[in-house]
C-alpha atoms as a PDB file:
ATOM      1  CA  MET A   1       0.000   0.000   0.000  1.00  0.00           C
ATOM      2  CA  LEU A   2       1.577   3.261  -1.181  1.00  0.00           C
ATOM      3  CA  ASP A   3       0.631   6.318   0.818  1.00  0.00           C
ATOM      4  CA  LYS A   4      -1.102   8.994  -1.245  1.00  0.00           C
ATOM      5  CA  GLU A   5       0.153  11.693   1.105  1.00  0.00           C
ATOM      6  CA  ILE A   6       3.578  13.249   0.558  1.00  0.00           C
ATOM      7  CA  VAL A   7       6.111  14.001   3.287  1.00  0.00           C
ATOM      8  CA  ARG A   8       8.526  16.869   2.662  1.00  0.00           C
ATOM      9  CA  LEU A   9      11.977  17.258   4.146  1.00  0.00           C
ATOM     10  CA  LYS A  10      14.452  20.095   3.685  1.00  0.00           C
ATOM     11  CA  VAL A  11      18.151  19.188   3.764  1.00  0.00           C
ATOM     12  CA  THR A  12      21.092  21.582   3.555  1.00  0.00           C
ATOM     13  CA  GLY A  13      24.861  21.359   3.739  1.00  0.00           C
ATOM     14  CA  ASP A  14      28.125  23.122   2.982  1.00  0.00           C
ATOM     15  CA  PHE A  15      29.302  20.385   0.616  1.00  0.00           C
ATOM     16  CA  ALA A  16      27.870  17.308  -1.132  1.00  0.00           C
ATOM     17  CA  CYS A  17      29.226  14.570  -3.358  1.00  0.00           C
ATOM     18  CA  PHE A  18      26.736  12.317  -5.147  1.00  0.00           C
ATOM     19  CA  THR A  19      29.433  10.368  -6.978  1.00  0.00           C
ATOM     20  CA  ARG A  20      28.976   9.396 -10.599  1.00  0.00           C
ATOM     21  CA  PRO A  21      29.785   5.644 -10.832  1.00  0.00           C
ATOM     22  CA  ASP A  22      31.147   5.999 -14.379  1.00  0.00           C
ATOM     23  CA  LEU A  23      34.135   7.988 -13.064  1.00  0.00           C
ATOM     24  CA  LYS A  24      36.089   5.677 -10.761  1.00  0.00           C
ATOM     25  CA  VAL A  25      39.469   7.279 -10.069  1.00  0.00           C
ATOM     26  CA  GLU A  26      38.607  10.951  -9.767  1.00  0.00           C
ATOM     27  CA  ARG A  27      35.318  11.470  -7.970  1.00  0.00           C
ATOM     28  CA  MET A  28      32.815  13.781  -9.615  1.00  0.00           C
ATOM     29  CA  SER A  29      29.406  14.572  -8.218  1.00  0.00           C
ATOM     30  CA  TYR A  30      26.114  14.588 -10.062  1.00  0.00           C
ATOM     31  CA  PRO A  31      24.723  18.133 -10.215  1.00  0.00           C
ATOM     32  CA  CYS A  32      21.821  17.057  -8.020  1.00  0.00           C
ATOM     33  CA  MET A  33      21.006  14.656  -5.220  1.00  0.00           C
ATOM     34  CA  THR A  34      20.244  11.121  -6.419  1.00  0.00           C
ATOM     35  CA  PRO A  35      17.095   9.202  -5.360  1.00  0.00           C
ATOM     36  CA  SER A  36      19.231   6.654  -3.474  1.00  0.00           C
ATOM     37  CA  SER A  37      20.894   9.439  -1.474  1.00  0.00           C
ATOM     38  CA  ALA A  38      17.481  10.907  -0.689  1.00  0.00           C
ATOM     39  CA  ARG A  39      16.264   7.516   0.510  1.00  0.00           C
ATOM     40  CA  GLY A  40      19.359   7.178   2.699  1.00  0.00           C
ATOM     41  CA  ILE A  41      18.620  10.514   4.377  1.00  0.00           C
ATOM     42  CA  LEU A  42      15.017   9.512   5.049  1.00  0.00           C
ATOM     43  CA  GLU A  43      16.122   6.175   6.516  1.00  0.00           C
ATOM     44  CA  ALA A  44      18.666   7.949   8.732  1.00  0.00           C
ATOM     45  CA  ILE A  45      15.726   9.764  10.331  1.00  0.00           C
ATOM     46  CA  LEU A  46      13.265   6.858  10.420  1.00  0.00           C
ATOM     47  CA  TRP A  47      13.788   3.277   9.320  1.00  0.00           C
ATOM     48  CA  LYS A  48      11.764   0.202  10.191  1.00  0.00           C
ATOM     49  CA  PRO A  49      11.630  -3.154   8.390  1.00  0.00           C
ATOM     50  CA  GLU A  50       7.835  -2.903   8.141  1.00  0.00           C
ATOM     51  CA  PHE A  51       7.850  -0.129   5.518  1.00  0.00           C
ATOM     52  CA  GLN A  52       9.913   1.410   2.706  1.00  0.00           C
ATOM     53  CA  TRP A  53      10.435   4.907   1.347  1.00  0.00           C
ATOM     54  CA  VAL A  54       9.464   5.888  -2.200  1.00  0.00           C
ATOM     55  CA  VAL A  55      11.130   9.110  -3.344  1.00  0.00           C
ATOM     56  CA  ARG A  56       8.794  11.146  -5.564  1.00  0.00           C
ATOM     57  CA  ARG A  57      10.676  14.354  -6.362  1.00  0.00           C
ATOM     58  CA  ILE A  58      13.802  16.270  -5.404  1.00  0.00           C
ATOM     59  CA  LEU A  59      13.562  20.068  -5.428  1.00  0.00           C
ATOM     60  CA  VAL A  60      16.730  22.118  -5.931  1.00  0.00           C
ATOM     61  CA  LEU A  61      16.693  25.285  -3.800  1.00  0.00           C
ATOM     62  CA  ASN A  62      20.224  26.663  -4.278  1.00  0.00           C
ATOM     63  CA  PRO A  63      22.212  27.386  -7.463  1.00  0.00           C
ATOM     64  CA  ILE A  64      24.332  24.468  -8.687  1.00  0.00           C
ATOM     65  CA  LYS A  65      27.946  25.269  -7.812  1.00  0.00           C
ATOM     66  CA  PHE A  66      30.962  22.959  -8.061  1.00  0.00           C
ATOM     67  CA  THR A  67      34.284  23.140  -6.275  1.00  0.00           C
ATOM     68  CA  SER A  68      37.447  21.036  -6.280  1.00  0.00           C
ATOM     69  CA  ILE A  69      38.924  19.246  -3.258  1.00  0.00           C
ATOM     70  CA  LYS A  70      42.287  17.455  -3.268  1.00  0.00           C
ATOM     71  CA  ARG A  71      43.094  15.040  -0.476  1.00  0.00           C
ATOM     72  CA  ASN A  72      45.231  12.062   0.465  1.00  0.00           C
ATOM     73  CA  GLU A  73      43.565   8.671   0.244  1.00  0.00           C
ATOM     74  CA  ILE A  74      44.530   5.004   0.460  1.00  0.00           C
ATOM     75  CA  SER A  75      44.583   3.002  -2.772  1.00  0.00           C
ATOM     76  CA  LYS A  76      44.259  -0.370  -1.011  1.00  0.00           C
ATOM     77  CA  LYS A  77      41.069  -1.617   0.612  1.00  0.00           C
ATOM     78  CA  GLY A  78      40.978  -3.283   3.983  1.00  0.00           C
ATOM     79  CA  SER A  79      39.618  -6.831   4.133  1.00  0.00           C
ATOM     80  CA  ARG A  80      39.420  -9.813   6.441  1.00  0.00           C
ATOM     81  CA  GLY A  81      42.758 -11.460   6.937  1.00  0.00           C
ATOM     82  CA  VAL A  82      44.684  -8.242   6.313  1.00  0.00           C
ATOM     83  CA  GLU A  83      46.258  -7.174   9.589  1.00  0.00           C
ATOM     84  CA  HIS A  84      47.270  -3.683   8.501  1.00  0.00           C
ATOM     85  CA  ILE A  85      47.816  -1.418   5.517  1.00  0.00           C
ATOM     86  CA  GLU A  86      51.091   0.459   5.082  1.00  0.00           C
ATOM     87  CA  ILE A  87      49.892   4.007   4.584  1.00  0.00           C
ATOM     88  CA  GLU A  88      53.131   5.384   3.144  1.00  0.00           C
ATOM     89  CA  LYS A  89      53.224   2.772   0.394  1.00  0.00           C
ATOM     90  CA  ASN A  90      49.520   3.025  -0.489  1.00  0.00           C
ATOM     91  CA  ARG A  91      48.916   6.772  -0.166  1.00  0.00           C
ATOM     92  CA  VAL A  92      47.611   8.531  -3.297  1.00  0.00           C
ATOM     93  CA  GLN A  93      46.372  12.040  -4.016  1.00  0.00           C
ATOM     94  CA  ARG A  94      42.963  12.266  -5.616  1.00  0.00           C
ATOM     95  CA  ASN A  95      40.878  15.166  -6.790  1.00  0.00           C
ATOM     96  CA  SER A  96      37.132  15.366  -6.125  1.00  0.00           C
ATOM     97  CA  ILE A  97      34.656  17.651  -7.868  1.00  0.00           C
ATOM     98  CA  VAL A  98      31.920  18.267  -5.305  1.00  0.00           C
ATOM     99  CA  LEU A  99      28.915  20.533  -4.846  1.00  0.00           C
ATOM    100  CA  LYS A 100      28.917  23.404  -2.367  1.00  0.00           C
ATOM    101  CA  ASP A 101      26.188  25.332  -0.546  1.00  0.00           C
ATOM    102  CA  VAL A 102      23.444  22.847  -1.357  1.00  0.00           C
ATOM    103  CA  ALA A 103      19.806  22.827  -0.306  1.00  0.00           C
ATOM    104  CA  TYR A 104      17.061  20.420  -1.368  1.00  0.00           C
ATOM    105  CA  ILE A 105      13.526  19.410  -0.535  1.00  0.00           C
ATOM    106  CA  ILE A 106      12.829  15.684  -0.666  1.00  0.00           C
ATOM    107  CA  GLU A 107       9.259  14.621  -1.400  1.00  0.00           C
ATOM    108  CA  ALA A 108       8.506  10.993  -0.597  1.00  0.00           C
ATOM    109  CA  SER A 109       5.779   8.545   0.400  1.00  0.00           C
ATOM    110  CA  VAL A 110       5.543   5.574   2.746  1.00  0.00           C
ATOM    111  CA  PHE A 111       5.004   2.105   1.292  1.00  0.00           C
ATOM    112  CA  VAL A 112       3.742  -0.796   3.432  1.00  0.00           C
ATOM    113  CA  ASP A 113       3.376  -4.255   1.915  1.00  0.00           C
ATOM    114  CA  GLU A 114      -0.275  -5.358   2.063  1.00  0.00           C
ATOM    115  CA  GLU A 115       0.826  -8.890   3.012  1.00  0.00           C
ATOM    116  CA  ARG A 116       2.591  -7.490   6.064  1.00  0.00           C
ATOM    117  CA  ILE A 117      -0.595  -5.640   7.011  1.00  0.00           C
ATOM    118  CA  LYS A 118      -2.638  -8.856   6.772  1.00  0.00           C
ATOM    119  CA  GLN A 119      -0.084 -10.856   8.762  1.00  0.00           C
ATOM    120  CA  SER A 120       0.265  -8.252  11.498  1.00  0.00           C
ATOM    121  CA  LYS A 121      -1.075  -9.515  14.834  1.00  0.00           C
ATOM    122  CA  ASP A 122      -0.501  -6.309  16.779  1.00  0.00           C
ATOM    123  CA  THR A 123      -4.069  -5.023  17.026  1.00  0.00           C
ATOM    124  CA  ALA A 124      -3.077  -2.267  19.458  1.00  0.00           C
ATOM    125  CA  ASN A 125      -0.671  -0.717  16.917  1.00  0.00           C
ATOM    126  CA  PRO A 126      -1.741  -1.905  13.452  1.00  0.00           C
ATOM    127  CA  LEU A 127       0.473  -1.361  10.429  1.00  0.00           C
ATOM    128  CA  THR A 128      -0.711   1.760   8.618  1.00  0.00           C
ATOM    129  CA  VAL A 129       1.031   4.223   6.343  1.00  0.00           C
ATOM    130  CA  LYS A 130      -0.375   7.081   8.408  1.00  0.00           C
ATOM    131  CA  LYS A 131       1.358   5.824  11.554  1.00  0.00           C
ATOM    132  CA  TYR A 132       4.813   5.911   9.983  1.00  0.00           C
ATOM    133  CA  ARG A 133       4.165   9.208   8.230  1.00  0.00           C
ATOM    134  CA  THR A 134       3.168  10.809  11.535  1.00  0.00           C
ATOM    135  CA  MET A 135       6.146   9.284  13.312  1.00  0.00           C
ATOM    136  CA  PHE A 136       8.517  10.652  10.664  1.00  0.00           C
ATOM    137  CA  GLU A 137       7.049  14.150  10.780  1.00  0.00           C
ATOM    138  CA  ARG A 138       7.353  14.233  14.561  1.00  0.00           C
ATOM    139  CA  ARG A 139      10.982  13.108  14.455  1.00  0.00           C
ATOM    140  CA  VAL A 140      11.830  15.808  11.901  1.00  0.00           C
ATOM    141  CA  SER A 141      10.166  18.485  14.044  1.00  0.00           C
ATOM    142  CA  ASN A 142      12.173  17.299  17.068  1.00  0.00           C
ATOM    143  CA  GLY A 143      15.434  17.028  15.124  1.00  0.00           C
ATOM    144  CA  GLN A 144      15.709  13.294  15.838  1.00  0.00           C
ATOM    145  CA  CYS A 145      17.607  10.793  13.711  1.00  0.00           C
ATOM    146  CA  TRP A 146      19.107   7.320  14.151  1.00  0.00           C
ATOM    147  CA  HIS A 147      22.416   8.509  12.760  1.00  0.00           C
ATOM    148  CA  GLN A 148      23.629  11.753  11.210  1.00  0.00           C
ATOM    149  CA  PRO A 149      22.335  11.939   7.614  1.00  0.00           C
ATOM    150  CA  CYS A 150      24.918  12.819   4.983  1.00  0.00           C
ATOM    151  CA  LEU A 151      25.037  14.321   1.505  1.00  0.00           C
ATOM    152  CA  GLY A 152      26.569  11.512  -0.511  1.00  0.00           C
ATOM    153  CA  THR A 153      29.537  10.768   1.762  1.00  0.00           C
ATOM    154  CA  ARG A 154      29.779  10.614   5.548  1.00  0.00           C
ATOM    155  CA  GLU A 155      32.197  13.533   5.767  1.00  0.00           C
ATOM    156  CA  PHE A 156      29.538  15.877   4.320  1.00  0.00           C
ATOM    157  CA  ALA A 157      26.892  15.998   7.049  1.00  0.00           C
ATOM    158  CA  ALA A 158      23.352  17.131   6.239  1.00  0.00           C
ATOM    159  CA  ASP A 159      21.156  19.389   8.328  1.00  0.00           C
ATOM    160  CA  PHE A 160      17.410  18.696   8.054  1.00  0.00           C
ATOM    161  CA  SER A 161      14.279  20.634   8.929  1.00  0.00           C
ATOM    162  CA  VAL A 162      10.637  21.165   8.014  1.00  0.00           C
ATOM    163  CA  PRO A 163      10.289  23.171   4.755  1.00  0.00           C
ATOM    164  CA  THR A 164       8.631  26.587   4.853  1.00  0.00           C
ATOM    165  CA  LYS A 165       6.561  28.463   2.283  1.00  0.00           C
ATOM    166  CA  GLU A 166       9.661  30.447   1.334  1.00  0.00           C
ATOM    167  CA  ASP A 167      11.466  27.273   0.224  1.00  0.00           C
ATOM    168  CA  ILE A 168      10.687  27.101  -3.480  1.00  0.00           C
ATOM    169  CA  PRO A 169      12.697  25.442  -6.288  1.00  0.00           C
ATOM    170  CA  LEU A 170      14.888  27.544  -8.554  1.00  0.00           C
ATOM    171  CA  GLU A 171      13.709  28.324 -12.059  1.00  0.00           C
ATOM    172  CA  ILE A 172      16.533  26.392 -13.711  1.00  0.00           C
ATOM    173  CA  THR A 173      16.780  23.587 -16.265  1.00  0.00           C
ATOM    174  CA  TYR A 174      19.900  21.446 -16.099  1.00  0.00           C
ATOM    175  CA  PRO A 175      20.423  18.324 -18.285  1.00  0.00           C
ATOM    176  CA  ILE A 176      22.052  15.362 -16.543  1.00  0.00           C
ATOM    177  CA  GLY A 177      21.793  12.459 -19.011  1.00  0.00           C
ATOM    178  CA  SER A 178      21.831   9.183 -17.083  1.00  0.00           C
ATOM    179  CA  MET A 179      21.676   8.909 -13.293  1.00  0.00           C
ATOM    180  CA  LEU A 180      21.919   6.113 -10.764  1.00  0.00           C
ATOM    181  CA  TYR A 181      18.471   5.528  -9.295  1.00  0.00           C
ATOM    182  CA  ASP A 182      19.264   2.907  -6.647  1.00  0.00           C
ATOM    183  CA  MET A 183      20.750  -0.521  -6.039  1.00  0.00           C
ATOM    184  CA  PHE A 184      18.611  -3.627  -6.525  1.00  0.00           C
ATOM    185  CA  TYR A 185      19.401  -6.699  -4.401  1.00  0.00           C
ATOM    186  CA  ASP A 186      18.160 -10.140  -5.379  1.00  0.00           C
ATOM    187  CA  LYS A 187      17.340 -12.899  -2.887  1.00  0.00           C
ATOM    188  CA  LYS A 188      20.991 -13.959  -2.754  1.00  0.00           C
ATOM    189  CA  GLY A 189      22.122 -10.434  -1.952  1.00  0.00           C
ATOM    190  CA  LYS A 190      23.667  -9.753  -5.365  1.00  0.00           C
ATOM    191  CA  ALA A 191      23.570  -6.037  -6.149  1.00  0.00           C
ATOM    192  CA  THR A 192      22.599  -4.583  -9.529  1.00  0.00           C
ATOM    193  CA  PRO A 193      22.658  -0.835 -10.230  1.00  0.00           C
ATOM    194  CA  ILE A 194      19.422   0.626 -11.609  1.00  0.00           C
ATOM    195  CA  PHE A 195      19.768   3.703 -13.830  1.00  0.00           C
ATOM    196  CA  PHE A 196      17.251   6.040 -15.394  1.00  0.00           C
ATOM    197  CA  TYR A 197      18.001   7.959 -18.568  1.00  0.00           C
ATOM    198  CA  ASP A 198      17.302  11.278 -20.297  1.00  0.00           C
ATOM    199  CA  VAL A 199      17.350  12.843 -16.848  1.00  0.00           C
ATOM    200  CA  ALA A 200      17.093  16.593 -16.392  1.00  0.00           C
ATOM    201  CA  ILE A 201      16.309  19.080 -13.668  1.00  0.00           C
ATOM    202  CA  VAL A 202      13.296  20.962 -15.034  1.00  0.00           C
ATOM    203  CA  ASN A 203      12.244  24.182 -13.307  1.00  0.00           C
ATOM    204  CA  GLY A 204      14.376  23.161 -10.353  1.00  0.00           C
ATOM    205  CA  ILE A 205      12.677  19.763  -9.938  1.00  0.00           C
ATOM    206  CA  LEU A 206      14.061  16.263 -10.487  1.00  0.00           C
ATOM    207  CA  ASP A 207      11.183  13.814 -11.035  1.00  0.00           C
ATOM    208  CA  CYS A 208      11.845  10.232  -9.913  1.00  0.00           C
ATOM    209  CA  PRO A 209      10.157   7.640 -12.177  1.00  0.00           C
ATOM    210  CA  GLU A 210       7.581   5.533 -10.370  1.00  0.00           C
ATOM    211  CA  GLU A 211       8.320   2.384 -12.407  1.00  0.00           C
ATOM    212  CA  LYS A 212      11.873   2.351 -11.010  1.00  0.00           C
ATOM    213  CA  ALA A 213      10.525   2.713  -7.485  1.00  0.00           C
ATOM    214  CA  LEU A 214       8.209  -0.271  -7.931  1.00  0.00           C
ATOM    215  CA  ARG A 215      11.169  -2.474  -8.857  1.00  0.00           C
ATOM    216  CA  ILE A 216      13.248  -1.301  -5.914  1.00  0.00           C
ATOM    217  CA  LEU A 217      10.338  -2.165  -3.587  1.00  0.00           C
ATOM    218  CA  SER A 218      10.914  -5.838  -4.397  1.00  0.00           C
ATOM    219  CA  SER A 219      14.615  -5.544  -3.552  1.00  0.00           C
ATOM    220  CA  THR A 220      15.917  -7.558  -0.607  1.00  0.00           C
ATOM    221  CA  HIS A 221      18.850  -6.876   1.672  1.00  0.00           C
ATOM    222  CA  ILE A 222      20.721  -9.513   3.623  1.00  0.00           C
ATOM    223  CA  GLN A 223      20.925  -8.021   7.084  1.00  0.00           C
ATOM    224  CA  PRO A 224      23.921  -8.775   9.335  1.00  0.00           C
ATOM    225  CA  ALA A 225      23.280 -10.740  12.522  1.00  0.00           C
ATOM    226  CA  GLN A 226      22.506  -8.600  15.552  1.00  0.00           C
ATOM    227  CA  SER A 227      22.661  -9.422  19.233  1.00  0.00           C
ATOM    228  CA  ASP A 228      19.499 -10.133  21.229  1.00  0.00           C
ATOM    229  CA  GLU A 229      20.280  -7.193  23.492  1.00  0.00           C
ATOM    230  CA  TYR A 230      20.437  -4.815  20.505  1.00  0.00           C
ATOM    231  CA  ASN A 231      17.124  -6.121  19.152  1.00  0.00           C
ATOM    232  CA  ARG A 232      15.501  -5.740  22.582  1.00  0.00           C
ATOM    233  CA  VAL A 233      16.589  -2.110  22.953  1.00  0.00           C
ATOM    234  CA  VAL A 234      15.431  -1.208  19.440  1.00  0.00           C
ATOM    235  CA  TYR A 235      12.100  -2.991  19.920  1.00  0.00           C
ATOM    236  CA  GLU A 236      11.380  -1.179  23.189  1.00  0.00           C
ATOM    237  CA  HIS A 237      12.275   2.162  21.641  1.00  0.00           C
ATOM    238  CA  TYR A 238       9.941   1.541  18.702  1.00  0.00           C
ATOM    239  CA  LYS A 239       7.109   0.593  21.036  1.00  0.00           C
ATOM    240  CA  GLU A 240       7.609   3.759  23.057  1.00  0.00           C
ATOM    241  CA  GLU A 241       7.433   5.875  19.912  1.00  0.00           C
ATOM    242  CA  GLU A 242       4.316   4.139  18.637  1.00  0.00           C
ATOM    243  CA  THR A 243       2.429   4.643  21.892  1.00  0.00           C
ATOM    244  CA  ASP A 244       3.142   8.401  21.632  1.00  0.00           C
ATOM    245  CA  LEU A 245       1.208   8.670  18.365  1.00  0.00           C
END
């Protein structure tokens, strides 16, 4: 069941890097936030296994401005069995083309699987799209999040708030071409990138195709094992939030 109501979230930041996957060595950002980055920000504020986020539109509030950042990185990846990495031997300088002074409004809806609704046995707190929408809006108003949302990479933190009437998209049109929509995971956990094409920011708005969202809704993620104590704490916190609705 896809919620007909739209939730709106304003996010801002000094820098952002929504990396284009076709450029591997030198990072270069898309000129606009990607749908997968928008979903990640929403999940940083409220995530539960009972529902999923469907990003509808991304509104660009600030002019698109790029800047260059050069920094030292490590060319070798850490992995199991590798005790340490010699920094001096694996240090490389890389240039990143990132966005600066960004501001967006994310418009999204809550999706709850109808089978989950039928199988739910919690009559006191039934699964409804309205419940999660209300919970999300309250968390945004209170400035609550599970972890600090970011603008593409963890080093570029995002501030979030409730949009106001003064927050309107810019009257700009900016062609992008192809853009990464999200990652699709099959039942074995194999990831496949999903792209959408002929993408453009029109009148300051990036429309996210609904047919791509419907495919991502059937995506599965293999979750890492968690301790019973962690699950107990999270469960009690969720219950406390739901009783406040």
